[in-house]
């Protein structure tokens, strides 16, 4: 199966509102992950410190990942789909707890 067909199949079977919110949070997660990666690489090869806080970016990345997972959990509750629900709920709580820990430790 081609990638385009997989994306179209996911698009047809998901609620459009939840899909749009999930895409927004996923894009935010990717944005913060790339920012953390770029800051880490420039910190390794350069001696001048960065003005961005990597822990704040890590918190934002994990928090938006948790929000993306929570959208999926809420969608599962709304459409009454119970497949992988408990695993997704536990992973969402874990991501939120790690992001809170990162915020509190800094």
PDB file of N, CA and C in Angstrom:
ATOM      1  N   UNK A   1       0.842  -1.162   0.000  1.00  0.00           N
ATOM      2  CA  UNK A   1       0.000   0.000   0.000  1.00  0.00           C
ATOM      3  C   UNK A   1       0.900   1.244   0.000  1.00  0.00           C
ATOM      4  N   UNK A   2       0.552   2.194  -0.789  1.00  0.00           N
ATOM      5  CA  UNK A   2       1.351   3.410  -0.883  1.00  0.00           C
ATOM      6  C   UNK A   2       1.046   4.351   0.267  1.00  0.00           C
ATOM      7  N   UNK A   3       1.952   5.279   0.512  1.00  0.00           N
ATOM      8  CA  UNK A   3       1.799   6.219   1.618  1.00  0.00           C
ATOM      9  C   UNK A   3       0.577   7.102   1.418  1.00  0.00           C
ATOM     10  N   UNK A   4       0.344   7.547   0.201  1.00  0.00           N
ATOM     11  CA  UNK A   4      -0.819   8.390  -0.087  1.00  0.00           C
ATOM     12  C   UNK A   4      -2.127   7.683   0.217  1.00  0.00           C
ATOM     13  N   UNK A   5      -2.193   6.389  -0.093  1.00  0.00           N
ATOM     14  CA  UNK A   5      -3.402   5.626   0.195  1.00  0.00           C
ATOM     15  C   UNK A   5      -3.607   5.467   1.700  1.00  0.00           C
ATOM     16  N   UNK A   6      -2.518   5.293   2.445  1.00  0.00           N
ATOM     17  CA  UNK A   6      -2.624   5.176   3.899  1.00  0.00           C
ATOM     18  C   UNK A   6      -3.125   6.474   4.515  1.00  0.00           C
ATOM     19  N   UNK A   7      -2.605   7.602   4.041  1.00  0.00           N
ATOM     20  CA  UNK A   7      -3.036   8.899   4.563  1.00  0.00           C
ATOM     21  C   UNK A   7      -4.501   9.141   4.234  1.00  0.00           C
ATOM     22  N   UNK A   8      -4.905   8.791   3.023  1.00  0.00           N
ATOM     23  CA  UNK A   8      -6.304   8.983   2.630  1.00  0.00           C
ATOM     24  C   UNK A   8      -7.227   8.090   3.455  1.00  0.00           C
ATOM     25  N   UNK A   9      -6.797   6.877   3.756  1.00  0.00           N
ATOM     26  CA  UNK A   9      -7.607   5.971   4.573  1.00  0.00           C
ATOM     27  C   UNK A   9      -7.766   6.525   5.988  1.00  0.00           C
ATOM     28  N   UNK A  10      -6.668   7.037   6.578  1.00  0.00           N
ATOM     29  CA  UNK A  10      -6.746   7.644   7.912  1.00  0.00           C
ATOM     30  C   UNK A  10      -7.666   8.867   7.897  1.00  0.00           C
ATOM     31  N   UNK A  11      -7.579   9.660   6.826  1.00  0.00           N
ATOM     32  CA  UNK A  11      -8.402  10.860   6.707  1.00  0.00           C
ATOM     33  C   UNK A  11      -9.883  10.503   6.654  1.00  0.00           C
ATOM     34  N   UNK A  12     -10.224   9.455   5.957  1.00  0.00           N
ATOM     35  CA  UNK A  12     -11.630   9.091   5.811  1.00  0.00           C
ATOM     36  C   UNK A  12     -12.222   8.491   7.075  1.00  0.00           C
ATOM     37  N   UNK A  13     -11.407   7.800   7.887  1.00  0.00           N
ATOM     38  CA  UNK A  13     -11.980   7.128   9.042  1.00  0.00           C
ATOM     39  C   UNK A  13     -11.935   7.965  10.329  1.00  0.00           C
ATOM     40  N   UNK A  14     -11.244   9.104  10.338  1.00  0.00           N
ATOM     41  CA  UNK A  14     -11.173   9.939  11.535  1.00  0.00           C
ATOM     42  C   UNK A  14     -12.113  11.131  11.441  1.00  0.00           C
ATOM     43  N   UNK A  15     -12.518  11.625  12.596  1.00  0.00           N
ATOM     44  CA  UNK A  15     -13.329  12.825  12.684  1.00  0.00           C
ATOM     45  C   UNK A  15     -12.471  14.008  12.249  1.00  0.00           C
ATOM     46  N   UNK A  16     -13.022  14.870  11.424  1.00  0.00           N
ATOM     47  CA  UNK A  16     -12.225  15.953  10.812  1.00  0.00           C
ATOM     48  C   UNK A  16     -11.739  16.975  11.845  1.00  0.00           C
ATOM     49  N   UNK A  17     -12.561  17.281  12.854  1.00  0.00           N
ATOM     50  CA  UNK A  17     -12.145  18.237  13.880  1.00  0.00           C
ATOM     51  C   UNK A  17     -10.981  17.682  14.696  1.00  0.00           C
ATOM     52  N   UNK A  18     -11.100  16.435  15.144  1.00  0.00           N
ATOM     53  CA  UNK A  18     -10.021  15.824  15.906  1.00  0.00           C
ATOM     54  C   UNK A  18      -8.761  15.663  15.055  1.00  0.00           C
ATOM     55  N   UNK A  19      -8.941  15.371  13.788  1.00  0.00           N
ATOM     56  CA  UNK A  19      -7.794  15.234  12.891  1.00  0.00           C
ATOM     57  C   UNK A  19      -7.066  16.563  12.727  1.00  0.00           C
ATOM     58  N   UNK A  20      -7.808  17.649  12.582  1.00  0.00           N
ATOM     59  CA  UNK A  20      -7.186  18.962  12.421  1.00  0.00           C
ATOM     60  C   UNK A  20      -6.427  19.373  13.681  1.00  0.00           C
ATOM     61  N   UNK A  21      -7.027  19.152  14.849  1.00  0.00           N
ATOM     62  CA  UNK A  21      -6.354  19.488  16.106  1.00  0.00           C
ATOM     63  C   UNK A  21      -5.118  18.609  16.294  1.00  0.00           C
ATOM     64  N   UNK A  22      -5.234  17.340  15.953  1.00  0.00           N
ATOM     65  CA  UNK A  22      -4.108  16.420  16.066  1.00  0.00           C
ATOM     66  C   UNK A  22      -2.962  16.833  15.143  1.00  0.00           C
ATOM     67  N   UNK A  23      -3.276  17.268  13.945  1.00  0.00           N
ATOM     68  CA  UNK A  23      -2.239  17.718  13.006  1.00  0.00           C
ATOM     69  C   UNK A  23      -1.539  18.967  13.544  1.00  0.00           C
ATOM     70  N   UNK A  24      -2.302  19.889  14.117  1.00  0.00           N
ATOM     71  CA  UNK A  24      -1.700  21.112  14.674  1.00  0.00           C
ATOM     72  C   UNK A  24      -0.725  20.773  15.795  1.00  0.00           C
ATOM     73  N   UNK A  25      -1.135  19.922  16.725  1.00  0.00           N
ATOM     74  CA  UNK A  25      -0.249  19.560  17.832  1.00  0.00           C
ATOM     75  C   UNK A  25       0.940  18.719  17.359  1.00  0.00           C
ATOM     76  N   UNK A  26       0.745  17.898  16.347  1.00  0.00           N
ATOM     77  CA  UNK A  26       1.857  17.112  15.811  1.00  0.00           C
ATOM     78  C   UNK A  26       2.889  18.008  15.131  1.00  0.00           C
ATOM     79  N   UNK A  27       2.418  19.016  14.401  1.00  0.00           N
ATOM     80  CA  UNK A  27       3.344  19.963  13.764  1.00  0.00           C
ATOM     81  C   UNK A  27       4.112  20.748  14.827  1.00  0.00           C
ATOM     82  N   UNK A  28       3.429  21.147  15.898  1.00  0.00           N
ATOM     83  CA  UNK A  28       4.113  21.836  16.991  1.00  0.00           C
ATOM     84  C   UNK A  28       5.172  20.940  17.634  1.00  0.00           C
ATOM     85  N   UNK A  29       4.856  19.680  17.815  1.00  0.00           N
ATOM     86  CA  UNK A  29       5.812  18.739  18.388  1.00  0.00           C
ATOM     87  C   UNK A  29       7.045  18.612  17.503  1.00  0.00           C
ATOM     88  N   UNK A  30       6.840  18.487  16.222  1.00  0.00           N
ATOM     89  CA  UNK A  30       7.964  18.374  15.283  1.00  0.00           C
ATOM     90  C   UNK A  30       8.783  19.658  15.271  1.00  0.00           C
ATOM     91  N   UNK A  31       8.124  20.805  15.326  1.00  0.00           N
ATOM     92  CA  UNK A  31       8.831  22.087  15.343  1.00  0.00           C
ATOM     93  C   UNK A  31       9.745  22.198  16.563  1.00  0.00           C
ATOM     94  N   UNK A  32       9.202  21.887  17.747  1.00  0.00           N
ATOM     95  CA  UNK A  32      10.019  21.978  18.955  1.00  0.00           C
ATOM     96  C   UNK A  32      11.128  20.932  18.967  1.00  0.00           C
ATOM     97  N   UNK A  33      10.874  19.743  18.411  1.00  0.00           N
ATOM     98  CA  UNK A  33      11.914  18.719  18.353  1.00  0.00           C
ATOM     99  C   UNK A  33      13.075  19.160  17.458  1.00  0.00           C
ATOM    100  N   UNK A  34      12.759  19.781  16.332  1.00  0.00           N
ATOM    101  CA  UNK A  34      13.815  20.272  15.435  1.00  0.00           C
ATOM    102  C   UNK A  34      14.581  21.409  16.101  1.00  0.00           C
ATOM    103  N   UNK A  35      13.879  22.291  16.814  1.00  0.00           N
ATOM    104  CA  UNK A  35      14.562  23.385  17.519  1.00  0.00           C
ATOM    105  C   UNK A  35      15.524  22.848  18.574  1.00  0.00           C
ATOM    106  N   UNK A  36      15.092  21.850  19.337  1.00  0.00           N
ATOM    107  CA  UNK A  36      15.966  21.250  20.353  1.00  0.00           C
ATOM    108  C   UNK A  36      17.173  20.602  19.692  1.00  0.00           C
ATOM    109  N   UNK A  37      16.949  19.932  18.597  1.00  0.00           N
ATOM    110  CA  UNK A  37      18.049  19.291  17.876  1.00  0.00           C
ATOM    111  C   UNK A  37      19.045  20.324  17.353  1.00  0.00           C
ATOM    112  N   UNK A  38      18.549  21.400  16.772  1.00  0.00           N
ATOM    113  CA  UNK A  38      19.445  22.437  16.251  1.00  0.00           C
ATOM    114  C   UNK A  38      20.222  23.131  17.363  1.00  0.00           C
ATOM    115  N   UNK A  39      19.575  23.395  18.484  1.00  0.00           N
ATOM    116  CA  UNK A  39      20.271  24.013  19.612  1.00  0.00           C
ATOM    117  C   UNK A  39      21.338  23.074  20.157  1.00  0.00           C
ATOM    118  N   UNK A  40      21.027  21.789  20.221  1.00  0.00           N
ATOM    119  CA  UNK A  40      22.007  20.823  20.724  1.00  0.00           C
ATOM    120  C   UNK A  40      23.206  20.721  19.799  1.00  0.00           C
ATOM    121  N   UNK A  41      22.979  20.694  18.505  1.00  0.00           N
ATOM    122  CA  UNK A  41      24.084  20.591  17.552  1.00  0.00           C
ATOM    123  C   UNK A  41      24.942  21.840  17.583  1.00  0.00           C
ATOM    124  N   UNK A  42      24.325  23.016  17.589  1.00  0.00           N
ATOM    125  CA  UNK A  42      25.122  24.247  17.625  1.00  0.00           C
ATOM    126  C   UNK A  42      25.853  24.398  18.951  1.00  0.00           C
ATOM    127  N   UNK A  43      25.296  23.869  20.024  1.00  0.00           N
ATOM    128  CA  UNK A  43      25.979  23.908  21.313  1.00  0.00           C
ATOM    129  C   UNK A  43      27.195  23.006  21.356  1.00  0.00           C
ATOM    130  N   UNK A  44      27.160  21.925  20.596  1.00  0.00           N
ATOM    131  CA  UNK A  44      28.302  21.006  20.567  1.00  0.00           C
ATOM    132  C   UNK A  44      29.448  21.524  19.717  1.00  0.00           C
ATOM    133  N   UNK A  45      29.139  22.201  18.627  1.00  0.00           N
ATOM    134  CA  UNK A  45      30.208  22.637  17.718  1.00  0.00           C
ATOM    135  C   UNK A  45      30.642  24.072  17.961  1.00  0.00           C
ATOM    136  N   UNK A  46      29.890  24.833  18.717  1.00  0.00           N
ATOM    137  CA  UNK A  46      30.214  26.235  18.937  1.00  0.00           C
ATOM    138  C   UNK A  46      30.477  26.484  20.417  1.00  0.00           C
ATOM    139  N   UNK A  47      31.284  27.493  20.681  1.00  0.00           N
ATOM    140  CA  UNK A  47      31.588  27.793  22.079  1.00  0.00           C
ATOM    141  C   UNK A  47      30.683  28.881  22.649  1.00  0.00           C
ATOM    142  N   UNK A  48      30.000  29.646  21.803  1.00  0.00           N
ATOM    143  CA  UNK A  48      29.121  30.694  22.330  1.00  0.00           C
ATOM    144  C   UNK A  48      27.771  30.091  22.721  1.00  0.00           C
ATOM    145  N   UNK A  49      27.268  30.486  23.888  1.00  0.00           N
ATOM    146  CA  UNK A  49      26.021  29.902  24.384  1.00  0.00           C
ATOM    147  C   UNK A  49      24.810  30.393  23.592  1.00  0.00           C
ATOM    148  N   UNK A  50      23.813  29.567  23.555  1.00  0.00           N
ATOM    149  CA  UNK A  50      22.566  29.900  22.865  1.00  0.00           C
ATOM    150  C   UNK A  50      21.657  30.706  23.796  1.00  0.00           C
ATOM    151  N   UNK A  51      20.836  31.546  23.201  1.00  0.00           N
ATOM    152  CA  UNK A  51      19.889  32.323  24.004  1.00  0.00           C
ATOM    153  C   UNK A  51      18.619  31.535  24.288  1.00  0.00           C
ATOM    154  N   UNK A  52      18.369  30.476  23.547  1.00  0.00           N
ATOM    155  CA  UNK A  52      17.182  29.652  23.767  1.00  0.00           C
ATOM    156  C   UNK A  52      17.418  28.690  24.930  1.00  0.00           C
ATOM    157  N   UNK A  53      16.389  28.431  25.667  1.00  0.00           N
ATOM    158  CA  UNK A  53      16.474  27.485  26.771  1.00  0.00           C
ATOM    159  C   UNK A  53      16.062  26.102  26.280  1.00  0.00           C
ATOM    160  N   UNK A  54      16.973  25.144  26.247  1.00  0.00           N
ATOM    161  CA  UNK A  54      16.595  23.816  25.748  1.00  0.00           C
ATOM    162  C   UNK A  54      15.593  23.102  26.648  1.00  0.00           C
ATOM    163  N   UNK A  55      15.633  23.364  27.940  1.00  0.00           N
ATOM    164  CA  UNK A  55      14.662  22.694  28.809  1.00  0.00           C
ATOM    165  C   UNK A  55      13.249  23.222  28.573  1.00  0.00           C
ATOM    166  N   UNK A  56      13.133  24.508  28.283  1.00  0.00           N
ATOM    167  CA  UNK A  56      11.813  25.056  27.972  1.00  0.00           C
ATOM    168  C   UNK A  56      11.300  24.495  26.644  1.00  0.00           C
ATOM    169  N   UNK A  57      12.199  24.342  25.678  1.00  0.00           N
ATOM    170  CA  UNK A  57      11.803  23.748  24.401  1.00  0.00           C
ATOM    171  C   UNK A  57      11.440  22.272  24.563  1.00  0.00           C
ATOM    172  N   UNK A  58      12.178  21.557  25.429  1.00  0.00           N
ATOM    173  CA  UNK A  58      11.833  20.156  25.698  1.00  0.00           C
ATOM    174  C   UNK A  58      10.466  20.049  26.359  1.00  0.00           C
ATOM    175  N   UNK A  59      10.192  20.959  27.304  1.00  0.00           N
ATOM    176  CA  UNK A  59       8.872  20.972  27.930  1.00  0.00           C
ATOM    177  C   UNK A  59       7.782  21.219  26.891  1.00  0.00           C
ATOM    178  N   UNK A  60       7.995  22.206  26.010  1.00  0.00           N
ATOM    179  CA  UNK A  60       6.992  22.526  24.993  1.00  0.00           C
ATOM    180  C   UNK A  60       6.789  21.353  24.040  1.00  0.00           C
ATOM    181  N   UNK A  61       7.884  20.673  23.687  1.00  0.00           N
ATOM    182  CA  UNK A  61       7.778  19.528  22.789  1.00  0.00           C
ATOM    183  C   UNK A  61       6.978  18.402  23.436  1.00  0.00           C
ATOM    184  N   UNK A  62       7.316  18.065  24.671  1.00  0.00           N
ATOM    185  CA  UNK A  62       6.614  16.973  25.340  1.00  0.00           C
ATOM    186  C   UNK A  62       5.170  17.339  25.670  1.00  0.00           C
ATOM    187  N   UNK A  63       4.929  18.596  26.007  1.00  0.00           N
ATOM    188  CA  UNK A  63       3.563  19.016  26.311  1.00  0.00           C
ATOM    189  C   UNK A  63       2.681  18.961  25.064  1.00  0.00           C
ATOM    190  N   UNK A  64       3.210  19.403  23.929  1.00  0.00           N
ATOM    191  CA  UNK A  64       2.405  19.330  22.700  1.00  0.00           C
ATOM    192  C   UNK A  64       2.220  17.880  22.253  1.00  0.00           C
ATOM    193  N   UNK A  65       3.204  17.017  22.532  1.00  0.00           N
ATOM    194  CA  UNK A  65       3.024  15.590  22.256  1.00  0.00           C
ATOM    195  C   UNK A  65       1.938  15.007  23.153  1.00  0.00           C
ATOM    196  N   UNK A  66       1.924  15.416  24.407  1.00  0.00           N
ATOM    197  CA  UNK A  66       0.865  14.972  25.315  1.00  0.00           C
ATOM    198  C   UNK A  66      -0.505  15.471  24.893  1.00  0.00           C
ATOM    199  N   UNK A  67      -0.562  16.711  24.412  1.00  0.00           N
ATOM    200  CA  UNK A  67      -1.842  17.237  23.914  1.00  0.00           C
ATOM    201  C   UNK A  67      -2.314  16.475  22.681  1.00  0.00           C
ATOM    202  N   UNK A  68      -1.378  16.123  21.814  1.00  0.00           N
ATOM    203  CA  UNK A  68      -1.733  15.343  20.630  1.00  0.00           C
ATOM    204  C   UNK A  68      -2.278  13.971  21.029  1.00  0.00           C
ATOM    205  N   UNK A  69      -1.632  13.345  22.012  1.00  0.00           N
ATOM    206  CA  UNK A  69      -2.132  12.055  22.492  1.00  0.00           C
ATOM    207  C   UNK A  69      -3.479  12.194  23.194  1.00  0.00           C
ATOM    208  N   UNK A  70      -3.660  13.280  23.936  1.00  0.00           N
ATOM    209  CA  UNK A  70      -4.940  13.456  24.625  1.00  0.00           C
ATOM    210  C   UNK A  70      -6.081  13.689  23.638  1.00  0.00           C
ATOM    211  N   UNK A  71      -5.792  14.320  22.502  1.00  0.00           N
ATOM    212  CA  UNK A  71      -6.811  14.460  21.459  1.00  0.00           C
ATOM    213  C   UNK A  71      -7.234  13.087  20.957  1.00  0.00           C
ATOM    214  N   UNK A  72      -6.262  12.208  20.785  1.00  0.00           N
ATOM    215  CA  UNK A  72      -6.590  10.844  20.333  1.00  0.00           C
ATOM    216  C   UNK A  72      -7.386  10.085  21.390  1.00  0.00           C
ATOM    217  N   UNK A  73      -7.044  10.288  22.676  1.00  0.00           N
ATOM    218  CA  UNK A  73      -7.795   9.631  23.753  1.00  0.00           C
ATOM    219  C   UNK A  73      -9.238  10.122  23.767  1.00  0.00           C
ATOM    220  N   UNK A  74      -9.419  11.428  23.651  1.00  0.00           N
ATOM    221  CA  UNK A  74     -10.784  11.980  23.644  1.00  0.00           C
ATOM    222  C   UNK A  74     -11.555  11.491  22.425  1.00  0.00           C
ATOM    223  N   UNK A  75     -10.882  11.412  21.289  1.00  0.00           N
ATOM    224  CA  UNK A  75     -11.549  10.893  20.087  1.00  0.00           C
ATOM    225  C   UNK A  75     -11.965   9.442  20.280  1.00  0.00           C
ATOM    226  N   UNK A  76     -11.116   8.654  20.941  1.00  0.00           N
ATOM    227  CA  UNK A  76     -11.478   7.261  21.212  1.00  0.00           C
ATOM    228  C   UNK A  76     -12.688   7.169  22.129  1.00  0.00           C
ATOM    229  N   UNK A  77     -12.778   8.084  23.096  1.00  0.00           N
ATOM    230  CA  UNK A  77     -13.946   8.083  23.975  1.00  0.00           C
ATOM    231  C   UNK A  77     -15.212   8.483  23.227  1.00  0.00           C
ATOM    232  N   UNK A  78     -15.088   9.454  22.331  1.00  0.00           N
ATOM    233  CA  UNK A  78     -16.262   9.946  21.606  1.00  0.00           C
ATOM    234  C   UNK A  78     -16.790   8.895  20.635  1.00  0.00           C
ATOM    235  N   UNK A  79     -15.907   8.258  19.886  1.00  0.00           N
ATOM    236  CA  UNK A  79     -16.371   7.281  18.900  1.00  0.00           C
ATOM    237  C   UNK A  79     -16.445   5.866  19.464  1.00  0.00           C
ATOM    238  N   UNK A  80     -16.163   5.743  20.772  1.00  0.00           N
ATOM    239  CA  UNK A  80     -16.247   4.471  21.493  1.00  0.00           C
ATOM    240  C   UNK A  80     -15.370   3.390  20.880  1.00  0.00           C
ATOM    241  N   UNK A  81     -14.161   3.756  20.526  1.00  0.00           N
ATOM    242  CA  UNK A  81     -13.187   2.798  20.025  1.00  0.00           C
ATOM    243  C   UNK A  81     -12.270   2.432  21.180  1.00  0.00           C
ATOM    244  N   UNK A  82     -12.242   1.188  21.569  1.00  0.00           N
ATOM    245  CA  UNK A  82     -11.515   0.770  22.765  1.00  0.00           C
ATOM    246  C   UNK A  82     -10.171   0.104  22.444  1.00  0.00           C
ATOM    247  N   UNK A  83      -9.808   0.002  21.188  1.00  0.00           N
ATOM    248  CA  UNK A  83      -8.555  -0.641  20.821  1.00  0.00           C
ATOM    249  C   UNK A  83      -7.379   0.261  21.206  1.00  0.00           C
ATOM    250  N   UNK A  84      -6.468  -0.254  21.999  1.00  0.00           N
ATOM    251  CA  UNK A  84      -5.275   0.445  22.488  1.00  0.00           C
ATOM    252  C   UNK A  84      -5.604   1.646  23.360  1.00  0.00           C
ATOM    253  N   UNK A  85      -6.789   1.720  23.909  1.00  0.00           N
ATOM    254  CA  UNK A  85      -7.178   2.883  24.707  1.00  0.00           C
ATOM    255  C   UNK A  85      -6.354   2.984  25.984  1.00  0.00           C
ATOM    256  N   UNK A  86      -6.238   1.889  26.726  1.00  0.00           N
ATOM    257  CA  UNK A  86      -5.521   1.949  28.003  1.00  0.00           C
ATOM    258  C   UNK A  86      -4.041   2.244  27.790  1.00  0.00           C
ATOM    259  N   UNK A  87      -3.439   1.678  26.750  1.00  0.00           N
ATOM    260  CA  UNK A  87      -2.035   1.959  26.458  1.00  0.00           C
ATOM    261  C   UNK A  87      -1.831   3.425  26.089  1.00  0.00           C
ATOM    262  N   UNK A  88      -2.711   3.978  25.284  1.00  0.00           N
ATOM    263  CA  UNK A  88      -2.604   5.380  24.890  1.00  0.00           C
ATOM    264  C   UNK A  88      -2.844   6.302  26.079  1.00  0.00           C
ATOM    265  N   UNK A  89      -3.770   5.949  26.943  1.00  0.00           N
ATOM    266  CA  UNK A  89      -4.026   6.755  28.131  1.00  0.00           C
ATOM    267  C   UNK A  89      -2.816   6.752  29.065  1.00  0.00           C
ATOM    268  N   UNK A  90      -2.216   5.592  29.277  1.00  0.00           N
ATOM    269  CA  UNK A  90      -1.024   5.516  30.132  1.00  0.00           C
ATOM    270  C   UNK A  90       0.156   6.266  29.526  1.00  0.00           C
ATOM    271  N   UNK A  91       0.343   6.158  28.233  1.00  0.00           N
ATOM    272  CA  UNK A  91       1.455   6.884  27.610  1.00  0.00           C
ATOM    273  C   UNK A  91       1.221   8.387  27.632  1.00  0.00           C
ATOM    274  N   UNK A  92      -0.026   8.821  27.519  1.00  0.00           N
ATOM    275  CA  UNK A  92      -0.341  10.244  27.610  1.00  0.00           C
ATOM    276  C   UNK A  92      -0.042  10.775  29.011  1.00  0.00           C
ATOM    277  N   UNK A  93      -0.454  10.035  30.022  1.00  0.00           N
ATOM    278  CA  UNK A  93      -0.155  10.444  31.391  1.00  0.00           C
ATOM    279  C   UNK A  93       1.345  10.459  31.652  1.00  0.00           C
ATOM    280  N   UNK A  94       2.063   9.502  31.091  1.00  0.00           N
ATOM    281  CA  UNK A  94       3.516   9.459  31.255  1.00  0.00           C
ATOM    282  C   UNK A  94       4.183  10.671  30.610  1.00  0.00           C
ATOM    283  N   UNK A  95       3.763  11.018  29.398  1.00  0.00           N
ATOM    284  CA  UNK A  95       4.352  12.172  28.705  1.00  0.00           C
ATOM    285  C   UNK A  95       4.054  13.458  29.462  1.00  0.00           C
ATOM    286  N   UNK A  96       2.829  13.617  29.956  1.00  0.00           N
ATOM    287  CA  UNK A  96       2.500  14.807  30.742  1.00  0.00           C
ATOM    288  C   UNK A  96       3.316  14.869  32.038  1.00  0.00           C
ATOM    289  N   UNK A  97       3.514  13.723  32.680  1.00  0.00           N
ATOM    290  CA  UNK A  97       4.274  13.727  33.931  1.00  0.00           C
ATOM    291  C   UNK A  97       5.748  14.044  33.682  1.00  0.00           C
ATOM    292  N   UNK A  98       6.315  13.540  32.590  1.00  0.00           N
ATOM    293  CA  UNK A  98       7.705  13.855  32.263  1.00  0.00           C
ATOM    294  C   UNK A  98       7.852  15.335  31.909  1.00  0.00           C
ATOM    295  N   UNK A  99       6.912  15.881  31.165  1.00  0.00           N
ATOM    296  CA  UNK A  99       7.000  17.305  30.817  1.00  0.00           C
ATOM    297  C   UNK A  99       6.847  18.184  32.059  1.00  0.00           C
ATOM    298  N   UNK A 100       5.989  17.795  32.987  1.00  0.00           N
ATOM    299  CA  UNK A 100       5.848  18.543  34.232  1.00  0.00           C
ATOM    300  C   UNK A 100       7.121  18.450  35.068  1.00  0.00           C
ATOM    301  N   UNK A 101       7.725  17.274  35.115  1.00  0.00           N
ATOM    302  CA  UNK A 101       8.981  17.095  35.838  1.00  0.00           C
ATOM    303  C   UNK A 101      10.083  17.974  35.245  1.00  0.00           C
ATOM    304  N   UNK A 102      10.179  18.030  33.932  1.00  0.00           N
ATOM    305  CA  UNK A 102      11.186  18.872  33.283  1.00  0.00           C
ATOM    306  C   UNK A 102      10.957  20.334  33.623  1.00  0.00           C
ATOM    307  N   UNK A 103       9.717  20.767  33.639  1.00  0.00           N
ATOM    308  CA  UNK A 103       9.413  22.154  33.961  1.00  0.00           C
ATOM    309  C   UNK A 103       9.747  22.479  35.413  1.00  0.00           C
ATOM    310  N   UNK A 104       9.449  21.555  36.331  1.00  0.00           N
ATOM    311  CA  UNK A 104       9.687  21.818  37.748  1.00  0.00           C
ATOM    312  C   UNK A 104      11.164  21.743  38.130  1.00  0.00           C
ATOM    313  N   UNK A 105      11.929  20.896  37.465  1.00  0.00           N
ATOM    314  CA  UNK A 105      13.340  20.742  37.792  1.00  0.00           C
ATOM    315  C   UNK A 105      14.148  21.952  37.331  1.00  0.00           C
ATOM    316  N   UNK A 106      13.762  22.547  36.221  1.00  0.00           N
ATOM    317  CA  UNK A 106      14.525  23.682  35.697  1.00  0.00           C
ATOM    318  C   UNK A 106      14.372  24.891  36.529  1.00  0.00           C
TER     319      UNK A 106
END
